[in-house]
Amino acid sequence: MHHSFIFTLLICLSIACQPNSEQTKSILSDSSEVTLPQVKDINTKQYLIVLGIAQDAGYPQAGCTKKCCTHVWNHPEDQKRVVSLGIVDQTTDKKWMIEATPDFKEQMQLLNTYLPSASMLPNGILLTHGHIGHYTGLMHLGREVMGAKNLPVFAMPRMQAFLSNNGPWSQLVKLQNIALQPIQSDSMFHLSPNIKVIPLQVPHRDEFTETVGYKIIGKAKTALFIPDIDKWKKWKVDLKMLLKEIDIALLDGSFYKNGEIPNRDMSQIPHPFVEESMNLLQDLPKSERAKVYFIHFNHTNPLIQAKSPERQEVLEKGYKIAKEGQIISLD
């Protein structure tokens, strides 16, 4: 059990990057640079907040001394947190988080600036899968830190079993720090009267758990969140058709292109390259391409660098790049 956990940890650390200090908020727009409003100026009642954009290990990545990270080690203000979304429903005075990342405490702090609560805890956490960037932040809910009481954690069957049967996560269940909430792929559930969620199971490197993305349905708009998937062609769902059903899609942008990691067989980390995703969607109208925001960037991905030529190319082709602090209206 413990050996398998350490093995997964080492695999995930070898491909990722992140932390962040951008405490301001931004509204999604058609431009790459936008004015960042204050929390009090947000005029939507149900919305998502981008709490992190980096792959599981954050940006910069542990042990990275290459050019992609050296600047950020010297300029911590440019760090980026691990991928996560906040969900806020002001009309019911509730908030949730998708993913419990290694940056959980900072992301919870940021989410609490939008909808403060005495405990600071969200009303629930939705998990996508069992790789280190997506669930290990649950450790902050245990007796060593917050000692949460029955915090709802929404998880698929294998994810539930993993948390229940493997320490130290099983202690969270045993001590009732968390209360596991069963969910099923393609089966809708309500977070509030205004916000519904549908898990969508996707093919991924599922050593210990299955992997899902989420369709998040508000009163007027729907968002799609798929931070991890192997290749679009392996999925039973047609991404082009799915884009017609939603208003914004935050999609796996881990790597920009093949060969990005020198001396590494990238077939062993089979995310869709951003170049592949753009080629797949290139025939769509501009209005459809504009729905796509890439997210979950590896430290080697030039899209995580603000002034890279690759970033400009993505924007010129009509796609977007997720930014920490962005607000996505659902009403």
C-alpha atoms as a PDB file:
ATOM      1  CA  MET A   1       0.000   0.000   0.000  1.00  0.00           C
ATOM      2  CA  HIS A   2       2.627   2.503   1.089  1.00  0.00           C
ATOM      3  CA  HIS A   3       5.027   1.471  -1.670  1.00  0.00           C
ATOM      4  CA  SER A   4       2.340   2.013  -4.327  1.00  0.00           C
ATOM      5  CA  PHE A   5       1.534   5.452  -2.936  1.00  0.00           C
ATOM      6  CA  ILE A   6       5.195   6.494  -3.024  1.00  0.00           C
ATOM      7  CA  PHE A   7       5.513   5.123  -6.587  1.00  0.00           C
ATOM      8  CA  THR A   8       2.559   7.253  -7.723  1.00  0.00           C
ATOM      9  CA  LEU A   9       4.041  10.272  -5.958  1.00  0.00           C
ATOM     10  CA  LEU A  10       7.363   9.878  -7.752  1.00  0.00           C
ATOM     11  CA  ILE A  11       5.719   9.429 -11.168  1.00  0.00           C
ATOM     12  CA  CYS A  12       3.601  12.542 -10.772  1.00  0.00           C
ATOM     13  CA  LEU A  13       6.462  14.669  -9.424  1.00  0.00           C
ATOM     14  CA  SER A  14       8.517  13.825 -12.488  1.00  0.00           C
ATOM     15  CA  ILE A  15       6.167  15.567 -14.903  1.00  0.00           C
ATOM     16  CA  ALA A  16       4.722  18.678 -13.227  1.00  0.00           C
ATOM     17  CA  CYS A  17       5.050  22.192 -11.637  1.00  0.00           C
ATOM     18  CA  GLN A  18       3.575  25.109  -9.422  1.00  0.00           C
ATOM     19  CA  PRO A  19       2.639  27.625  -6.560  1.00  0.00           C
ATOM     20  CA  ASN A  20       1.117  31.194  -7.068  1.00  0.00           C
ATOM     21  CA  SER A  21       0.782  34.649  -5.524  1.00  0.00           C
ATOM     22  CA  GLU A  22      -1.776  36.324  -7.801  1.00  0.00           C
ATOM     23  CA  GLN A  23      -4.458  37.311  -5.313  1.00  0.00           C
ATOM     24  CA  THR A  24      -6.360  39.542  -7.728  1.00  0.00           C
ATOM     25  CA  LYS A  25      -9.375  38.434  -9.690  1.00  0.00           C
ATOM     26  CA  SER A  26      -9.983  38.509 -13.436  1.00  0.00           C
ATOM     27  CA  ILE A  27     -12.981  38.182 -15.721  1.00  0.00           C
ATOM     28  CA  LEU A  28     -12.743  35.863 -18.728  1.00  0.00           C
ATOM     29  CA  SER A  29     -12.643  37.933 -21.885  1.00  0.00           C
ATOM     30  CA  ASP A  30     -11.577  37.722 -25.512  1.00  0.00           C
ATOM     31  CA  SER A  31      -8.196  39.292 -24.742  1.00  0.00           C
ATOM     32  CA  SER A  32      -5.261  37.698 -22.981  1.00  0.00           C
ATOM     33  CA  GLU A  33      -4.819  40.656 -20.637  1.00  0.00           C
ATOM     34  CA  VAL A  34      -7.847  41.843 -18.704  1.00  0.00           C
ATOM     35  CA  THR A  35      -8.675  44.300 -15.942  1.00  0.00           C
ATOM     36  CA  LEU A  36      -8.914  42.608 -12.576  1.00  0.00           C
ATOM     37  CA  PRO A  37     -11.986  43.721 -10.587  1.00  0.00           C
ATOM     38  CA  GLN A  38     -12.323  43.708  -6.841  1.00  0.00           C
ATOM     39  CA  VAL A  39     -14.481  41.007  -5.243  1.00  0.00           C
ATOM     40  CA  LYS A  40     -17.153  43.569  -4.397  1.00  0.00           C
ATOM     41  CA  ASP A  41     -17.484  44.428  -8.093  1.00  0.00           C
ATOM     42  CA  ILE A  42     -18.466  40.931  -9.215  1.00  0.00           C
ATOM     43  CA  ASN A  43     -22.062  41.172 -10.409  1.00  0.00           C
ATOM     44  CA  THR A  44     -22.879  37.494 -10.884  1.00  0.00           C
ATOM     45  CA  LYS A  45     -24.469  35.265  -8.232  1.00  0.00           C
ATOM     46  CA  GLN A  46     -23.269  31.851  -9.392  1.00  0.00           C
ATOM     47  CA  TYR A  47     -19.771  31.519 -10.774  1.00  0.00           C
ATOM     48  CA  LEU A  48     -16.530  29.562 -10.979  1.00  0.00           C
ATOM     49  CA  ILE A  49     -13.119  30.835  -9.878  1.00  0.00           C
ATOM     50  CA  VAL A  50      -9.891  29.515 -11.380  1.00  0.00           C
ATOM     51  CA  LEU A  51      -7.804  28.752  -8.284  1.00  0.00           C
ATOM     52  CA  GLY A  52      -4.840  27.166 -10.074  1.00  0.00           C
ATOM     53  CA  ILE A  53      -3.615  26.397 -13.586  1.00  0.00           C
ATOM     54  CA  ALA A  54      -0.505  24.225 -13.211  1.00  0.00           C
ATOM     55  CA  GLN A  55       0.023  20.471 -13.436  1.00  0.00           C
ATOM     56  CA  ASP A  56       0.194  18.390 -10.247  1.00  0.00           C
ATOM     57  CA  ALA A  57       3.681  19.466  -9.090  1.00  0.00           C
ATOM     58  CA  GLY A  58       3.101  23.193  -9.572  1.00  0.00           C
ATOM     59  CA  TYR A  59       5.260  25.880 -11.134  1.00  0.00           C
ATOM     60  CA  PRO A  60       8.185  25.881 -10.587  1.00  0.00           C
ATOM     61  CA  GLN A  61       8.601  22.125 -10.181  1.00  0.00           C
ATOM     62  CA  ALA A  62      10.653  20.583  -7.391  1.00  0.00           C
ATOM     63  CA  GLY A  63      14.206  19.954  -8.518  1.00  0.00           C
ATOM     64  CA  CYS A  64      13.911  21.874 -11.795  1.00  0.00           C
ATOM     65  CA  THR A  65      16.986  23.995 -12.545  1.00  0.00           C
ATOM     66  CA  LYS A  66      16.197  24.568 -16.223  1.00  0.00           C
ATOM     67  CA  LYS A  67      15.368  27.903 -17.786  1.00  0.00           C
ATOM     68  CA  CYS A  68      11.617  27.288 -17.530  1.00  0.00           C
ATOM     69  CA  CYS A  69      11.855  27.330 -13.727  1.00  0.00           C
ATOM     70  CA  THR A  70      14.972  29.314 -12.764  1.00  0.00           C
ATOM     71  CA  HIS A  71      13.283  32.674 -13.342  1.00  0.00           C
ATOM     72  CA  VAL A  72      10.359  31.678 -11.150  1.00  0.00           C
ATOM     73  CA  TRP A  73      12.586  30.487  -8.294  1.00  0.00           C
ATOM     74  CA  ASN A  74      13.979  34.037  -8.257  1.00  0.00           C
ATOM     75  CA  HIS A  75      10.602  35.695  -8.780  1.00  0.00           C
ATOM     76  CA  PRO A  76       8.070  33.853  -6.571  1.00  0.00           C
ATOM     77  CA  GLU A  77       5.364  36.287  -7.631  1.00  0.00           C
ATOM     78  CA  ASP A  78       5.298  34.377 -10.927  1.00  0.00           C
ATOM     79  CA  GLN A  79       4.616  31.015  -9.293  1.00  0.00           C
ATOM     80  CA  LYS A  80       1.433  29.167 -10.271  1.00  0.00           C
ATOM     81  CA  ARG A  81      -0.759  26.925  -8.132  1.00  0.00           C
ATOM     82  CA  VAL A  82      -1.920  23.435  -9.006  1.00  0.00           C
ATOM     83  CA  VAL A  83      -5.091  23.239 -11.066  1.00  0.00           C
ATOM     84  CA  SER A  84      -8.334  23.783  -9.129  1.00  0.00           C
ATOM     85  CA  LEU A  85     -11.703  25.484  -9.476  1.00  0.00           C
ATOM     86  CA  GLY A  86     -13.873  27.177  -6.895  1.00  0.00           C
ATOM     87  CA  ILE A  87     -17.666  27.205  -7.229  1.00  0.00           C
ATOM     88  CA  VAL A  88     -19.722  29.957  -5.580  1.00  0.00           C
ATOM     89  CA  ASP A  89     -23.481  30.287  -5.173  1.00  0.00           C
ATOM     90  CA  GLN A  90     -24.088  33.562  -3.387  1.00  0.00           C
ATOM     91  CA  THR A  91     -27.851  33.060  -3.263  1.00  0.00           C
ATOM     92  CA  THR A  92     -27.450  30.005  -1.015  1.00  0.00           C
ATOM     93  CA  ASP A  93     -24.309  31.322   0.737  1.00  0.00           C
ATOM     94  CA  LYS A  94     -22.310  28.217  -0.258  1.00  0.00           C
ATOM     95  CA  LYS A  95     -19.037  27.458  -1.996  1.00  0.00           C
ATOM     96  CA  TRP A  96     -17.208  24.332  -3.148  1.00  0.00           C
ATOM     97  CA  MET A  97     -13.820  23.339  -4.520  1.00  0.00           C
ATOM     98  CA  ILE A  98     -13.002  21.004  -7.380  1.00  0.00           C
ATOM     99  CA  GLU A  99      -9.771  19.216  -6.412  1.00  0.00           C
ATOM    100  CA  ALA A 100      -7.875  19.220  -3.115  1.00  0.00           C
ATOM    101  CA  THR A 101      -4.401  20.152  -4.319  1.00  0.00           C
ATOM    102  CA  PRO A 102      -1.032  20.489  -2.576  1.00  0.00           C
ATOM    103  CA  ASP A 103      -1.848  24.229  -2.602  1.00  0.00           C
ATOM    104  CA  PHE A 104      -5.120  23.634  -0.753  1.00  0.00           C
ATOM    105  CA  LYS A 105      -4.548  26.112   2.073  1.00  0.00           C
ATOM    106  CA  GLU A 106      -3.794  29.049  -0.236  1.00  0.00           C
ATOM    107  CA  GLN A 107      -6.657  28.153  -2.551  1.00  0.00           C
ATOM    108  CA  MET A 108      -9.105  27.821   0.326  1.00  0.00           C
ATOM    109  CA  GLN A 109      -7.938  31.219   1.585  1.00  0.00           C
ATOM    110  CA  LEU A 110      -8.538  32.758  -1.828  1.00  0.00           C
ATOM    111  CA  LEU A 111     -11.961  31.139  -2.203  1.00  0.00           C
ATOM    112  CA  ASN A 112     -12.925  32.462   1.219  1.00  0.00           C
ATOM    113  CA  THR A 113     -12.334  36.038   0.058  1.00  0.00           C
ATOM    114  CA  TYR A 114     -15.294  35.610  -2.300  1.00  0.00           C
ATOM    115  CA  LEU A 115     -17.681  34.100   0.216  1.00  0.00           C
ATOM    116  CA  PRO A 116     -16.336  34.282   3.780  1.00  0.00           C
ATOM    117  CA  SER A 117     -17.363  31.735   6.386  1.00  0.00           C
ATOM    118  CA  ALA A 118     -16.354  31.253  10.010  1.00  0.00           C
ATOM    119  CA  SER A 119     -14.603  27.941   9.399  1.00  0.00           C
ATOM    120  CA  MET A 120     -13.189  29.018   6.019  1.00  0.00           C
ATOM    121  CA  LEU A 121     -13.883  25.490   4.757  1.00  0.00           C
ATOM    122  CA  PRO A 122     -15.829  24.994   1.545  1.00  0.00           C
ATOM    123  CA  ASN A 123     -19.219  23.268   1.711  1.00  0.00           C
ATOM    124  CA  GLY A 124     -17.757  20.337  -0.183  1.00  0.00           C
ATOM    125  CA  ILE A 125     -14.911  19.119  -2.379  1.00  0.00           C
ATOM    126  CA  LEU A 126     -15.288  17.387  -5.751  1.00  0.00           C
ATOM    127  CA  LEU A 127     -12.417  15.096  -6.778  1.00  0.00           C
ATOM    128  CA  THR A 128     -11.469  14.085 -10.307  1.00  0.00           C
ATOM    129  CA  HIS A 129      -8.940  11.289  -9.644  1.00  0.00           C
ATOM    130  CA  GLY A 130      -6.119   9.853  -7.560  1.00  0.00           C
ATOM    131  CA  HIS A 131      -2.994  11.634  -8.792  1.00  0.00           C
ATOM    132  CA  ILE A 132      -1.108  13.746  -6.277  1.00  0.00           C
ATOM    133  CA  GLY A 133      -2.153  17.163  -7.523  1.00  0.00           C
ATOM    134  CA  HIS A 134      -5.832  16.378  -7.250  1.00  0.00           C
ATOM    135  CA  TYR A 135      -6.496  14.869  -3.814  1.00  0.00           C
ATOM    136  CA  THR A 136      -3.498  15.172  -1.453  1.00  0.00           C
ATOM    137  CA  GLY A 137      -4.693  18.516  -0.110  1.00  0.00           C
ATOM    138  CA  LEU A 138      -7.248  16.498   1.878  1.00  0.00           C
ATOM    139  CA  MET A 139      -4.471  16.121   4.471  1.00  0.00           C
ATOM    140  CA  HIS A 140      -5.293  19.616   5.721  1.00  0.00           C
ATOM    141  CA  LEU A 141      -8.715  18.382   6.857  1.00  0.00           C
ATOM    142  CA  GLY A 142      -7.301  15.918   9.383  1.00  0.00           C
ATOM    143  CA  ARG A 143      -6.532  16.110  13.102  1.00  0.00           C
ATOM    144  CA  GLU A 144      -3.038  17.527  12.472  1.00  0.00           C
ATOM    145  CA  VAL A 145      -4.473  20.665  10.856  1.00  0.00           C
ATOM    146  CA  MET A 146      -8.140  21.728  10.678  1.00  0.00           C
ATOM    147  CA  GLY A 147      -9.915  18.720  12.185  1.00  0.00           C
ATOM    148  CA  ALA A 148     -12.869  19.130   9.840  1.00  0.00           C
ATOM    149  CA  LYS A 149     -16.216  17.544  10.725  1.00  0.00           C
ATOM    150  CA  ASN A 150     -17.922  15.487   8.020  1.00  0.00           C
ATOM    151  CA  LEU A 151     -16.889  17.707   5.134  1.00  0.00           C
ATOM    152  CA  PRO A 152     -18.593  16.287   2.017  1.00  0.00           C
ATOM    153  CA  VAL A 153     -16.112  14.857  -0.498  1.00  0.00           C
ATOM    154  CA  PHE A 154     -17.684  13.829  -3.817  1.00  0.00           C
ATOM    155  CA  ALA A 155     -15.875  10.862  -5.362  1.00  0.00           C
ATOM    156  CA  MET A 156     -16.319   8.071  -7.874  1.00  0.00           C
ATOM    157  CA  PRO A 157     -16.421   4.412  -6.655  1.00  0.00           C
ATOM    158  CA  ARG A 158     -12.710   3.569  -7.049  1.00  0.00           C
ATOM    159  CA  MET A 159     -11.746   6.938  -5.591  1.00  0.00           C
ATOM    160  CA  GLN A 160     -13.962   6.253  -2.574  1.00  0.00           C
ATOM    161  CA  ALA A 161     -12.391   2.845  -2.105  1.00  0.00           C
ATOM    162  CA  PHE A 162      -8.883   4.289  -2.408  1.00  0.00           C
ATOM    163  CA  LEU A 163      -9.542   6.883   0.290  1.00  0.00           C
ATOM    164  CA  SER A 164     -11.317   4.396   2.557  1.00  0.00           C
ATOM    165  CA  ASN A 165      -8.724   1.621   2.368  1.00  0.00           C
ATOM    166  CA  ASN A 166      -5.377   3.428   2.216  1.00  0.00           C
ATOM    167  CA  GLY A 167      -3.695   5.402   4.956  1.00  0.00           C
ATOM    168  CA  PRO A 168      -3.392   8.173   5.804  1.00  0.00           C
ATOM    169  CA  TRP A 169      -6.593   9.012   3.922  1.00  0.00           C
ATOM    170  CA  SER A 170      -8.586   6.253   5.624  1.00  0.00           C
ATOM    171  CA  GLN A 171      -8.084   8.070   8.924  1.00  0.00           C
ATOM    172  CA  LEU A 172      -9.987  11.042   7.530  1.00  0.00           C
ATOM    173  CA  VAL A 173     -12.902   8.714   6.862  1.00  0.00           C
ATOM    174  CA  LYS A 174     -12.620   6.849  10.171  1.00  0.00           C
ATOM    175  CA  LEU A 175     -12.472  10.036  12.249  1.00  0.00           C
ATOM    176  CA  GLN A 176     -15.260  11.570  10.164  1.00  0.00           C
ATOM    177  CA  ASN A 177     -13.165  14.512   9.056  1.00  0.00           C
ATOM    178  CA  ILE A 178     -14.642  13.854   5.617  1.00  0.00           C
ATOM    179  CA  ALA A 179     -17.943  12.314   4.556  1.00  0.00           C
ATOM    180  CA  LEU A 180     -17.633  10.537   1.223  1.00  0.00           C
ATOM    181  CA  GLN A 181     -20.440  11.345  -1.212  1.00  0.00           C
ATOM    182  CA  PRO A 182     -20.886   8.692  -3.944  1.00  0.00           C
ATOM    183  CA  ILE A 183     -21.154   9.945  -7.513  1.00  0.00           C
ATOM    184  CA  GLN A 184     -21.497   8.093 -10.827  1.00  0.00           C
ATOM    185  CA  SER A 185     -20.410   8.958 -14.334  1.00  0.00           C
ATOM    186  CA  ASP A 186     -23.120  10.640 -16.439  1.00  0.00           C
ATOM    187  CA  SER A 187     -25.380  10.913 -13.371  1.00  0.00           C
ATOM    188  CA  MET A 188     -26.400  14.456 -12.418  1.00  0.00           C
ATOM    189  CA  PHE A 189     -26.377  15.701  -8.833  1.00  0.00           C
ATOM    190  CA  HIS A 190     -27.224  19.083  -7.283  1.00  0.00           C
ATOM    191  CA  LEU A 191     -24.825  21.196  -5.283  1.00  0.00           C
ATOM    192  CA  SER A 192     -27.579  23.780  -4.818  1.00  0.00           C
ATOM    193  CA  PRO A 193     -30.915  24.626  -6.433  1.00  0.00           C
ATOM    194  CA  ASN A 194     -28.944  26.746  -8.897  1.00  0.00           C
ATOM    195  CA  ILE A 195     -25.934  24.533  -9.672  1.00  0.00           C
ATOM    196  CA  LYS A 196     -25.961  20.978 -11.043  1.00  0.00           C
ATOM    197  CA  VAL A 197     -22.977  18.779 -11.822  1.00  0.00           C
ATOM    198  CA  ILE A 198     -22.492  15.797 -14.136  1.00  0.00           C
ATOM    199  CA  PRO A 199     -19.301  13.705 -13.784  1.00  0.00           C
ATOM    200  CA  LEU A 200     -17.885  12.532 -17.121  1.00  0.00           C
ATOM    201  CA  GLN A 201     -15.529   9.561 -16.957  1.00  0.00           C
ATOM    202  CA  VAL A 202     -12.501   9.958 -19.216  1.00  0.00           C
ATOM    203  CA  PRO A 203      -9.591   7.656 -20.161  1.00  0.00           C
ATOM    204  CA  HIS A 204      -6.486   8.408 -18.142  1.00  0.00           C
ATOM    205  CA  ARG A 205      -3.577   6.746 -16.360  1.00  0.00           C
ATOM    206  CA  ASP A 206      -5.878   5.155 -13.761  1.00  0.00           C
ATOM    207  CA  GLU A 207      -3.478   3.205 -11.531  1.00  0.00           C
ATOM    208  CA  PHE A 208      -5.591   3.511  -8.379  1.00  0.00           C
ATOM    209  CA  THR A 209      -8.813   5.352  -9.285  1.00  0.00           C
ATOM    210  CA  GLU A 210     -10.946   6.204 -12.268  1.00  0.00           C
ATOM    211  CA  THR A 211     -10.777   9.751 -13.711  1.00  0.00           C
ATOM    212  CA  VAL A 212     -13.607  12.174 -14.346  1.00  0.00           C
ATOM    213  CA  GLY A 213     -14.121  15.643 -15.657  1.00  0.00           C
ATOM    214  CA  TYR A 214     -17.162  17.691 -14.706  1.00  0.00           C
ATOM    215  CA  LYS A 215     -19.930  19.465 -16.539  1.00  0.00           C
ATOM    216  CA  ILE A 216     -21.071  22.287 -14.251  1.00  0.00           C
ATOM    217  CA  ILE A 217     -24.530  23.593 -15.068  1.00  0.00           C
ATOM    218  CA  GLY A 218     -25.681  26.971 -13.781  1.00  0.00           C
ATOM    219  CA  LYS A 219     -28.964  28.829 -14.220  1.00  0.00           C
ATOM    220  CA  ALA A 220     -27.958  30.088 -17.671  1.00  0.00           C
ATOM    221  CA  LYS A 221     -24.499  28.773 -18.564  1.00  0.00           C
ATOM    222  CA  THR A 222     -22.617  25.487 -18.526  1.00  0.00           C
ATOM    223  CA  ALA A 223     -18.887  24.938 -18.047  1.00  0.00           C
ATOM    224  CA  LEU A 224     -16.798  21.874 -18.832  1.00  0.00           C
ATOM    225  CA  PHE A 225     -13.719  21.007 -16.746  1.00  0.00           C
ATOM    226  CA  ILE A 226     -11.397  18.236 -17.966  1.00  0.00           C
ATOM    227  CA  PRO A 227      -7.900  18.829 -16.547  1.00  0.00           C
ATOM    228  CA  ASP A 228      -6.634  15.298 -17.302  1.00  0.00           C
ATOM    229  CA  ILE A 229      -7.319  12.929 -20.190  1.00  0.00           C
ATOM    230  CA  ASP A 230      -5.086  10.602 -22.210  1.00  0.00           C
ATOM    231  CA  LYS A 231      -6.006  11.442 -25.815  1.00  0.00           C
ATOM    232  CA  TRP A 232      -9.276  12.768 -27.203  1.00  0.00           C
ATOM    233  CA  LYS A 233      -9.511   9.858 -29.648  1.00  0.00           C
ATOM    234  CA  LYS A 234      -9.576   7.393 -26.731  1.00  0.00           C
ATOM    235  CA  TRP A 235     -12.731   8.976 -25.305  1.00  0.00           C
ATOM    236  CA  LYS A 236     -16.145   7.712 -26.337  1.00  0.00           C
ATOM    237  CA  VAL A 237     -17.417  11.306 -26.452  1.00  0.00           C
ATOM    238  CA  ASP A 238     -16.971  13.560 -29.498  1.00  0.00           C
ATOM    239  CA  LEU A 239     -15.355  16.736 -28.132  1.00  0.00           C
ATOM    240  CA  LYS A 240     -16.617  18.818 -31.062  1.00  0.00           C
ATOM    241  CA  MET A 241     -20.208  17.817 -30.353  1.00  0.00           C
ATOM    242  CA  LEU A 242     -19.767  18.369 -26.630  1.00  0.00           C
ATOM    243  CA  LEU A 243     -18.563  21.914 -27.191  1.00  0.00           C
ATOM    244  CA  LYS A 244     -21.942  22.717 -28.753  1.00  0.00           C
ATOM    245  CA  GLU A 245     -23.634  21.942 -25.418  1.00  0.00           C
ATOM    246  CA  ILE A 246     -21.496  24.170 -23.213  1.00  0.00           C
ATOM    247  CA  ASP A 247     -20.431  27.813 -22.927  1.00  0.00           C
ATOM    248  CA  ILE A 248     -16.842  27.392 -21.780  1.00  0.00           C
ATOM    249  CA  ALA A 249     -14.427  24.457 -21.687  1.00  0.00           C
ATOM    250  CA  LEU A 250     -11.355  24.263 -19.454  1.00  0.00           C
ATOM    251  CA  LEU A 251      -9.344  21.505 -21.113  1.00  0.00           C
ATOM    252  CA  ASP A 252      -6.152  19.545 -20.512  1.00  0.00           C
ATOM    253  CA  GLY A 253      -3.232  21.597 -21.810  1.00  0.00           C
ATOM    254  CA  SER A 254      -0.449  19.778 -19.951  1.00  0.00           C
ATOM    255  CA  PHE A 255       2.029  19.769 -22.836  1.00  0.00           C
ATOM    256  CA  TYR A 256       2.265  22.030 -25.844  1.00  0.00           C
ATOM    257  CA  LYS A 257       3.802  19.502 -28.232  1.00  0.00           C
ATOM    258  CA  ASN A 258       5.579  16.174 -28.488  1.00  0.00           C
ATOM    259  CA  GLY A 259       9.262  16.221 -27.559  1.00  0.00           C
ATOM    260  CA  GLU A 260       8.716  18.909 -24.930  1.00  0.00           C
ATOM    261  CA  ILE A 261      10.516  16.799 -22.331  1.00  0.00           C
ATOM    262  CA  PRO A 262      13.975  15.857 -23.659  1.00  0.00           C
ATOM    263  CA  ASN A 263      15.088  12.217 -23.445  1.00  0.00           C
ATOM    264  CA  ARG A 264      11.610  11.117 -22.331  1.00  0.00           C
ATOM    265  CA  ASP A 265       9.118   8.861 -24.099  1.00  0.00           C
ATOM    266  CA  MET A 266       6.081  11.104 -23.859  1.00  0.00           C
ATOM    267  CA  SER A 267       3.769   8.232 -24.813  1.00  0.00           C
ATOM    268  CA  GLN A 268       4.167   7.237 -21.156  1.00  0.00           C
ATOM    269  CA  ILE A 269       2.452  10.470 -20.123  1.00  0.00           C
ATOM    270  CA  PRO A 270      -0.268  10.495 -22.795  1.00  0.00           C
ATOM    271  CA  HIS A 271      -2.003  13.828 -22.423  1.00  0.00           C
ATOM    272  CA  PRO A 272      -3.349  15.491 -25.572  1.00  0.00           C
ATOM    273  CA  PHE A 273      -0.775  17.994 -26.778  1.00  0.00           C
ATOM    274  CA  VAL A 274      -2.185  21.494 -27.189  1.00  0.00           C
ATOM    275  CA  GLU A 275      -1.129  21.323 -30.840  1.00  0.00           C
ATOM    276  CA  GLU A 276      -3.228  18.142 -31.233  1.00  0.00           C
ATOM    277  CA  SER A 277      -6.262  19.735 -29.605  1.00  0.00           C
ATOM    278  CA  MET A 278      -6.034  22.798 -31.827  1.00  0.00           C
ATOM    279  CA  ASN A 279      -5.694  20.614 -34.925  1.00  0.00           C
ATOM    280  CA  LEU A 280      -8.732  18.597 -33.857  1.00  0.00           C
ATOM    281  CA  LEU A 281     -10.850  21.729 -33.458  1.00  0.00           C
ATOM    282  CA  GLN A 282      -9.398  23.888 -36.240  1.00  0.00           C
ATOM    283  CA  ASP A 283     -12.437  23.514 -38.527  1.00  0.00           C
ATOM    284  CA  LEU A 284     -14.872  24.766 -35.894  1.00  0.00           C
ATOM    285  CA  PRO A 285     -16.260  28.299 -36.159  1.00  0.00           C
ATOM    286  CA  LYS A 286     -14.353  30.940 -34.228  1.00  0.00           C
ATOM    287  CA  SER A 287     -17.210  31.172 -31.724  1.00  0.00           C
ATOM    288  CA  GLU A 288     -16.720  27.501 -30.824  1.00  0.00           C
ATOM    289  CA  ARG A 289     -12.931  27.702 -30.616  1.00  0.00           C
ATOM    290  CA  ALA A 290     -13.300  30.722 -28.342  1.00  0.00           C
ATOM    291  CA  LYS A 291     -14.984  28.513 -25.733  1.00  0.00           C
ATOM    292  CA  VAL A 292     -11.756  26.592 -25.154  1.00  0.00           C
ATOM    293  CA  TYR A 293      -9.420  27.604 -22.338  1.00  0.00           C
ATOM    294  CA  PHE A 294      -6.337  25.446 -21.882  1.00  0.00           C
ATOM    295  CA  ILE A 295      -5.353  24.647 -18.287  1.00  0.00           C
ATOM    296  CA  HIS A 296      -3.211  22.183 -16.223  1.00  0.00           C
ATOM    297  CA  PHE A 297       0.163  23.286 -17.616  1.00  0.00           C
ATOM    298  CA  ASN A 298       3.363  21.344 -17.033  1.00  0.00           C
ATOM    299  CA  HIS A 299       6.378  23.459 -16.058  1.00  0.00           C
ATOM    300  CA  THR A 300       7.897  22.707 -19.487  1.00  0.00           C
ATOM    301  CA  ASN A 301       4.847  24.048 -21.333  1.00  0.00           C
ATOM    302  CA  PRO A 302       5.611  27.500 -22.816  1.00  0.00           C
ATOM    303  CA  LEU A 303       1.944  28.475 -22.406  1.00  0.00           C
ATOM    304  CA  ILE A 304       2.593  28.998 -18.700  1.00  0.00           C
ATOM    305  CA  GLN A 305       5.052  31.768 -19.617  1.00  0.00           C
ATOM    306  CA  ALA A 306       3.298  35.097 -20.138  1.00  0.00           C
ATOM    307  CA  LYS A 307       5.212  36.280 -23.215  1.00  0.00           C
ATOM    308  CA  SER A 308       6.064  33.080 -25.056  1.00  0.00           C
ATOM    309  CA  PRO A 309       5.559  32.874 -28.859  1.00  0.00           C
ATOM    310  CA  GLU A 310       3.540  29.693 -28.360  1.00  0.00           C
ATOM    311  CA  ARG A 311       1.122  31.503 -26.083  1.00  0.00           C
ATOM    312  CA  GLN A 312       0.626  34.188 -28.709  1.00  0.00           C
ATOM    313  CA  GLU A 313       0.052  31.518 -31.360  1.00  0.00           C
ATOM    314  CA  VAL A 314      -2.724  29.889 -29.323  1.00  0.00           C
ATOM    315  CA  LEU A 315      -4.462  33.241 -28.870  1.00  0.00           C
ATOM    316  CA  GLU A 316      -4.134  34.109 -32.554  1.00  0.00           C
ATOM    317  CA  LYS A 317      -5.824  30.822 -33.471  1.00  0.00           C
ATOM    318  CA  GLY A 318      -8.838  31.829 -31.398  1.00  0.00           C
ATOM    319  CA  TYR A 319      -8.264  29.749 -28.275  1.00  0.00           C
ATOM    320  CA  LYS A 320      -7.784  31.006 -24.714  1.00  0.00           C
ATOM    321  CA  ILE A 321      -5.446  30.324 -21.812  1.00  0.00           C
ATOM    322  CA  ALA A 322      -6.792  30.031 -18.273  1.00  0.00           C
ATOM    323  CA  LYS A 323      -5.532  32.514 -15.696  1.00  0.00           C
ATOM    324  CA  GLU A 324      -5.556  32.239 -11.930  1.00  0.00           C
ATOM    325  CA  GLY A 325      -8.275  34.375 -10.383  1.00  0.00           C
ATOM    326  CA  GLN A 326     -10.560  34.318 -13.421  1.00  0.00           C
ATOM    327  CA  ILE A 327     -14.304  34.429 -12.840  1.00  0.00           C
ATOM    328  CA  ILE A 328     -16.610  32.301 -14.996  1.00  0.00           C
ATOM    329  CA  SER A 329     -20.244  33.330 -14.698  1.00  0.00           C
ATOM    330  CA  LEU A 330     -22.890  30.589 -14.554  1.00  0.00           C
ATOM    331  CA  ASP A 331     -25.936  32.889 -14.537  1.00  0.00           C
END
